[in-house]
PDB file of N, CA and C in Angstrom:
ATOM      1  N   MET A   1       0.596  -8.343 -10.547  1.00  0.00           N
ATOM      2  CA  MET A   1      -0.282  -7.573  -9.391  1.00  0.00           C
ATOM      3  C   MET A   1      -0.471  -6.299  -9.989  1.00  0.00           C
ATOM      4  N   ASP A   2      -2.094  -6.020 -10.141  1.00  0.00           N
ATOM      5  CA  ASP A   2      -2.015  -4.444 -11.140  1.00  0.00           C
ATOM      6  C   ASP A   2      -1.897  -3.675  -9.922  1.00  0.00           C
ATOM      7  N   VAL A   3      -1.423  -2.799  -9.388  1.00  0.00           N
ATOM      8  CA  VAL A   3      -1.031  -1.984  -8.519  1.00  0.00           C
ATOM      9  C   VAL A   3      -0.815  -0.273  -9.306  1.00  0.00           C
ATOM     10  N   GLN A   4      -1.642   0.488  -8.926  1.00  0.00           N
ATOM     11  CA  GLN A   4      -1.422   1.721  -9.628  1.00  0.00           C
ATOM     12  C   GLN A   4      -1.363   3.057  -8.625  1.00  0.00           C
ATOM     13  N   PRO A   5      -0.755   4.576  -8.810  1.00  0.00           N
ATOM     14  CA  PRO A   5      -1.046   5.673  -8.353  1.00  0.00           C
ATOM     15  C   PRO A   5      -2.532   5.523  -7.488  1.00  0.00           C
ATOM     16  N   ASN A   6      -2.860   6.010  -6.194  1.00  0.00           N
ATOM     17  CA  ASN A   6      -3.451   6.329  -5.651  1.00  0.00           C
ATOM     18  C   ASN A   6      -5.064   5.378  -5.115  1.00  0.00           C
ATOM     19  N   ASP A   7      -3.832   4.398  -5.734  1.00  0.00           N
ATOM     20  CA  ASP A   7      -5.065   2.879  -4.994  1.00  0.00           C
ATOM     21  C   ASP A   7      -4.762   2.844  -3.504  1.00  0.00           C
ATOM     22  N   ILE A   8      -5.665   2.367  -2.523  1.00  0.00           N
ATOM     23  CA  ILE A   8      -5.933   1.969  -1.297  1.00  0.00           C
ATOM     24  C   ILE A   8      -5.418   0.163  -0.847  1.00  0.00           C
ATOM     25  N   LEU A   9      -4.162   0.338  -0.280  1.00  0.00           N
ATOM     26  CA  LEU A   9      -3.433  -1.436   0.147  1.00  0.00           C
ATOM     27  C   LEU A   9      -3.743  -1.482   1.240  1.00  0.00           C
ATOM     28  N   THR A  10      -4.633  -2.810   1.710  1.00  0.00           N
ATOM     29  CA  THR A  10      -4.720  -2.984   2.608  1.00  0.00           C
ATOM     30  C   THR A  10      -3.572  -5.002   3.315  1.00  0.00           C
ATOM     31  N   MET A  11      -2.965  -3.560   3.850  1.00  0.00           N
ATOM     32  CA  MET A  11      -1.733  -4.666   4.518  1.00  0.00           C
ATOM     33  C   MET A  11      -1.689  -6.709   5.321  1.00  0.00           C
ATOM     34  N   LYS A  12      -1.244  -7.243   5.016  1.00  0.00           N
ATOM     35  CA  LYS A  12      -1.365  -8.519   6.560  1.00  0.00           C
ATOM     36  C   LYS A  12      -1.601  -8.038   7.366  1.00  0.00           C
ATOM     37  N   LYS A  13      -0.220  -7.124   8.113  1.00  0.00           N
ATOM     38  CA  LYS A  13       0.387  -6.903   9.015  1.00  0.00           C
ATOM     39  C   LYS A  13       0.372  -5.271   9.224  1.00  0.00           C
ATOM     40  N   PRO A  14       0.326  -4.978  10.410  1.00  0.00           N
ATOM     41  CA  PRO A  14      -0.379  -2.874  11.024  1.00  0.00           C
ATOM     42  C   PRO A  14       1.201  -2.907  10.554  1.00  0.00           C
ATOM     43  N   HIS A  15       1.341  -1.594  10.723  1.00  0.00           N
ATOM     44  CA  HIS A  15       1.858   0.134  10.304  1.00  0.00           C
ATOM     45  C   HIS A  15       2.428  -0.813  12.179  1.00  0.00           C
ATOM     46  N   PRO A  16       3.762   0.346  12.863  1.00  0.00           N
ATOM     47  CA  PRO A  16       3.637   0.233  14.199  1.00  0.00           C
ATOM     48  C   PRO A  16       2.538   1.404  14.567  1.00  0.00           C
ATOM     49  N   CYS A  17       2.059   1.965  13.936  1.00  0.00           N
ATOM     50  CA  CYS A  17       0.708   3.009  14.781  1.00  0.00           C
ATOM     51  C   CYS A  17      -0.253   2.439  14.740  1.00  0.00           C
ATOM     52  N   GLY A  18      -0.432   1.425  13.686  1.00  0.00           N
ATOM     53  CA  GLY A  18      -1.521   0.384  14.286  1.00  0.00           C
ATOM     54  C   GLY A  18      -2.853   0.089  12.565  1.00  0.00           C
ATOM     55  N   ALA A  19      -2.466   1.452  11.706  1.00  0.00           N
ATOM     56  CA  ALA A  19      -2.824   1.419  10.657  1.00  0.00           C
ATOM     57  C   ALA A  19      -2.563   0.690   9.797  1.00  0.00           C
ATOM     58  N   ARG A  20      -3.932  -0.619   8.979  1.00  0.00           N
ATOM     59  CA  ARG A  20      -3.293  -1.880   7.947  1.00  0.00           C
ATOM     60  C   ARG A  20      -2.968  -0.413   6.375  1.00  0.00           C
ATOM     61  N   ARG A  21      -3.833  -0.200   7.171  1.00  0.00           N
ATOM     62  CA  ARG A  21      -4.597   1.670   5.049  1.00  0.00           C
ATOM     63  C   ARG A  21      -2.962   2.312   5.067  1.00  0.00           C
ATOM     64  N   TRP A  22      -2.688   1.410   3.746  1.00  0.00           N
ATOM     65  CA  TRP A  22      -1.441   2.979   3.059  1.00  0.00           C
ATOM     66  C   TRP A  22      -1.686   3.684   1.697  1.00  0.00           C
ATOM     67  N   LYS A  23      -1.370   3.982   1.023  1.00  0.00           N
ATOM     68  CA  LYS A  23      -1.998   4.801  -0.158  1.00  0.00           C
ATOM     69  C   LYS A  23      -1.008   5.032  -0.804  1.00  0.00           C
ATOM     70  N   VAL A  24      -0.667   4.143  -2.360  1.00  0.00           N
ATOM     71  CA  VAL A  24       0.432   3.863  -3.456  1.00  0.00           C
ATOM     72  C   VAL A  24       0.265   5.684  -3.607  1.00  0.00           C
ATOM     73  N   LEU A  25       1.996   6.011  -3.518  1.00  0.00           N
ATOM     74  CA  LEU A  25       2.302   7.474  -4.069  1.00  0.00           C
ATOM     75  C   LEU A  25       2.783   6.996  -5.585  1.00  0.00           C
ATOM     76  N   ARG A  26       3.935   6.237  -5.204  1.00  0.00           N
ATOM     77  CA  ARG A  26       4.584   5.763  -6.764  1.00  0.00           C
ATOM     78  C   ARG A  26       4.586   4.083  -7.014  1.00  0.00           C
ATOM     79  N   THR A  27       4.710   4.195  -8.260  1.00  0.00           N
ATOM     80  CA  THR A  27       5.100   2.572  -8.817  1.00  0.00           C
ATOM     81  C   THR A  27       6.135   2.334  -9.330  1.00  0.00           C
ATOM     82  N   GLY A  28       6.362   1.187  -9.588  1.00  0.00           N
ATOM     83  CA  GLY A  28       8.048   0.957 -10.541  1.00  0.00           C
ATOM     84  C   GLY A  28       8.742  -0.553  -9.783  1.00  0.00           C
ATOM     85  N   MET A  29       9.862  -0.302  -9.868  1.00  0.00           N
ATOM     86  CA  MET A  29      10.338  -1.833  -9.215  1.00  0.00           C
ATOM     87  C   MET A  29      10.315  -1.399  -7.704  1.00  0.00           C
ATOM     88  N   ASP A  30       9.994  -0.325  -7.496  1.00  0.00           N
ATOM     89  CA  ASP A  30       9.765  -0.182  -5.581  1.00  0.00           C
ATOM     90  C   ASP A  30       8.181   0.826  -5.800  1.00  0.00           C
ATOM     91  N   PHE A  31       7.339   0.093  -4.835  1.00  0.00           N
ATOM     92  CA  PHE A  31       6.642   1.162  -4.266  1.00  0.00           C
ATOM     93  C   PHE A  31       6.945   1.968  -3.204  1.00  0.00           C
ATOM     94  N   LYS A  32       6.437   3.265  -3.525  1.00  0.00           N
ATOM     95  CA  LYS A  32       6.524   4.080  -2.861  1.00  0.00           C
ATOM     96  C   LYS A  32       4.957   4.261  -2.172  1.00  0.00           C
ATOM     97  N   LEU A  33       4.640   4.187  -0.441  1.00  0.00           N
ATOM     98  CA  LEU A  33       3.528   3.802  -0.045  1.00  0.00           C
ATOM     99  C   LEU A  33       3.367   4.762   1.591  1.00  0.00           C
ATOM    100  N   LYS A  34       2.539   5.574   1.217  1.00  0.00           N
ATOM    101  CA  LYS A  34       2.098   6.745   2.296  1.00  0.00           C
ATOM    102  C   LYS A  34       0.981   5.998   3.273  1.00  0.00           C
ATOM    103  N   CYS A  35       1.364   5.715   5.037  1.00  0.00           N
ATOM    104  CA  CYS A  35       0.141   5.268   6.244  1.00  0.00           C
ATOM    105  C   CYS A  35      -1.021   6.392   6.664  1.00  0.00           C
ATOM    106  N   GLU A  36      -1.982   5.256   5.812  1.00  0.00           N
ATOM    107  CA  GLU A  36      -3.202   6.417   6.103  1.00  0.00           C
ATOM    108  C   GLU A  36      -3.581   6.801   7.551  1.00  0.00           C
ATOM    109  N   GLY A  37      -2.833   6.181   8.463  1.00  0.00           N
ATOM    110  CA  GLY A  37      -3.041   6.266  10.171  1.00  0.00           C
ATOM    111  C   GLY A  37      -2.103   7.527  10.593  1.00  0.00           C
ATOM    112  N   CYS A  38      -0.779   7.292  10.156  1.00  0.00           N
ATOM    113  CA  CYS A  38       0.463   8.559  10.611  1.00  0.00           C
ATOM    114  C   CYS A  38       1.236   9.524  10.029  1.00  0.00           C
ATOM    115  N   GLY A  39       0.413   8.912   8.092  1.00  0.00           N
ATOM    116  CA  GLY A  39       1.128  10.096   7.235  1.00  0.00           C
ATOM    117  C   GLY A  39       2.745   9.612   7.379  1.00  0.00           C
ATOM    118  N   HIS A  40       3.325   8.647   7.907  1.00  0.00           N
ATOM    119  CA  HIS A  40       5.044   8.034   7.090  1.00  0.00           C
ATOM    120  C   HIS A  40       5.045   7.499   6.202  1.00  0.00           C
ATOM    121  N   GLU A  41       5.771   7.715   5.561  1.00  0.00           N
ATOM    122  CA  GLU A  41       6.171   7.941   4.047  1.00  0.00           C
ATOM    123  C   GLU A  41       6.828   6.289   4.181  1.00  0.00           C
ATOM    124  N   VAL A  42       7.307   5.436   2.943  1.00  0.00           N
ATOM    125  CA  VAL A  42       8.600   4.000   2.567  1.00  0.00           C
ATOM    126  C   VAL A  42       8.229   3.300   1.401  1.00  0.00           C
ATOM    127  N   MET A  43       9.416   3.216   0.866  1.00  0.00           N
ATOM    128  CA  MET A  43       9.667   2.903  -0.013  1.00  0.00           C
ATOM    129  C   MET A  43       9.924   1.002  -0.201  1.00  0.00           C
ATOM    130  N   LEU A  44       9.438   0.452  -1.158  1.00  0.00           N
ATOM    131  CA  LEU A  44       9.464  -0.545  -0.191  1.00  0.00           C
ATOM    132  C   LEU A  44       9.046  -1.758  -1.987  1.00  0.00           C
ATOM    133  N   PRO A  45      10.067  -2.648  -1.959  1.00  0.00           N
ATOM    134  CA  PRO A  45      10.208  -3.473  -3.652  1.00  0.00           C
ATOM    135  C   PRO A  45       9.461  -4.394  -3.499  1.00  0.00           C
ATOM    136  N   ARG A  46       9.294  -4.010  -4.799  1.00  0.00           N
ATOM    137  CA  ARG A  46       8.026  -4.626  -5.496  1.00  0.00           C
ATOM    138  C   ARG A  46       7.382  -6.258  -5.092  1.00  0.00           C
ATOM    139  N   ALA A  47       8.330  -7.334  -4.689  1.00  0.00           N
ATOM    140  CA  ALA A  47       8.215  -8.337  -4.409  1.00  0.00           C
ATOM    141  C   ALA A  47       7.546  -8.441  -2.837  1.00  0.00           C
ATOM    142  N   LYS A  48       8.030  -7.710  -2.016  1.00  0.00           N
ATOM    143  CA  LYS A  48       7.758  -8.042  -0.732  1.00  0.00           C
ATOM    144  C   LYS A  48       6.479  -6.510  -0.830  1.00  0.00           C
ATOM    145  N   ALA A  49       6.221  -5.888  -1.333  1.00  0.00           N
ATOM    146  CA  ALA A  49       5.146  -5.239  -1.405  1.00  0.00           C
ATOM    147  C   ALA A  49       4.310  -6.623  -1.499  1.00  0.00           C
ATOM    148  N   GLU A  50       4.349  -6.432  -2.957  1.00  0.00           N
ATOM    149  CA  GLU A  50       2.634  -7.904  -3.196  1.00  0.00           C
ATOM    150  C   GLU A  50       2.704  -8.921  -2.008  1.00  0.00           C
ATOM    151  N   LYS A  51       3.726  -9.361  -2.088  1.00  0.00           N
ATOM    152  CA  LYS A  51       3.708 -10.357  -0.584  1.00  0.00           C
ATOM    153  C   LYS A  51       2.952 -10.243  -0.142  1.00  0.00           C
ATOM    154  N   ASN A  52       2.891  -9.245   0.789  1.00  0.00           N
ATOM    155  CA  ASN A  52       2.285  -8.511   2.115  1.00  0.00           C
ATOM    156  C   ASN A  52       0.169  -8.341   2.031  1.00  0.00           C
ATOM    157  N   ILE A  53      -0.081  -7.531   0.648  1.00  0.00           N
ATOM    158  CA  ILE A  53      -1.006  -7.065  -0.183  1.00  0.00           C
ATOM    159  C   ILE A  53      -2.626  -8.005   0.347  1.00  0.00           C
ATOM    160  N   ARG A  54      -2.831  -7.827   1.528  1.00  0.00           N
ATOM    161  CA  ARG A  54      -4.487  -8.173   1.234  1.00  0.00           C
ATOM    162  C   ARG A  54      -5.693  -8.115   0.104  1.00  0.00           C
ATOM    163  N   THR A  55      -5.811  -6.889   0.937  1.00  0.00           N
ATOM    164  CA  THR A  55      -7.104  -6.883  -0.346  1.00  0.00           C
ATOM    165  C   THR A  55      -6.540  -5.206  -1.047  1.00  0.00           C
ATOM    166  N   ILE A  56      -6.766  -4.721  -2.810  1.00  0.00           N
ATOM    167  CA  ILE A  56      -6.699  -3.246  -3.514  1.00  0.00           C
ATOM    168  C   ILE A  56      -7.967  -2.649  -3.373  1.00  0.00           C
ATOM    169  N   GLU A  57      -7.758  -1.274  -3.114  1.00  0.00           N
ATOM    170  CA  GLU A  57      -9.169  -0.805  -3.340  1.00  0.00           C
ATOM    171  C   GLU A  57      -9.080   0.546  -3.860  1.00  0.00           C
ATOM    172  N   ARG A  58      -9.776   0.450  -4.873  1.00  0.00           N
ATOM    173  CA  ARG A  58      -9.600   1.791  -6.472  1.00  0.00           C
ATOM    174  C   ARG A  58     -10.704   1.996  -6.551  1.00  0.00           C
ATOM    175  N   GLU A  59     -10.663   3.502  -5.926  1.00  0.00           N
ATOM    176  CA  GLU A  59     -12.053   4.503  -5.932  1.00  0.00           C
ATOM    177  C   GLU A  59     -12.949   3.951  -5.686  1.00  0.00           C
ATOM    178  N   GLY A  60     -12.800   3.249  -4.393  1.00  0.00           N
ATOM    179  CA  GLY A  60     -14.296   2.498  -3.313  1.00  0.00           C
ATOM    180  C   GLY A  60     -14.262   1.061  -3.734  1.00  0.00           C
ATOM    181  N   LYS A  61     -13.483   1.136  -4.976  1.00  0.00           N
ATOM    182  CA  LYS A  61     -14.273  -0.451  -5.187  1.00  0.00           C
ATOM    183  C   LYS A  61     -13.306  -1.379  -5.003  1.00  0.00           C
ATOM    184  N   ILE A  62     -13.185  -2.644  -4.932  1.00  0.00           N
ATOM    185  CA  ILE A  62     -11.926  -3.440  -4.021  1.00  0.00           C
ATOM    186  C   ILE A  62     -12.002  -3.880  -5.147  1.00  0.00           C
ATOM    187  N   VAL A  63     -10.716  -4.161  -5.574  1.00  0.00           N
ATOM    188  CA  VAL A  63     -10.201  -5.521  -7.136  1.00  0.00           C
ATOM    189  C   VAL A  63     -10.111  -6.258  -6.872  1.00  0.00           C
TER     190      VAL A  63
END
């Protein structure tokens, strides 16, 4: 899956704050994501993150 920094990911399950959109800050074996709702930052293993992605938005376009 082609995920790059600054992409916006829409996840299948919402964050406890209610937001489903996350901004990608870093990629590699792990993703560093920032919640668009509350600003919370998390590190997730690539496999777990890719399994939960619904859409990828890059520069206003859905990939």
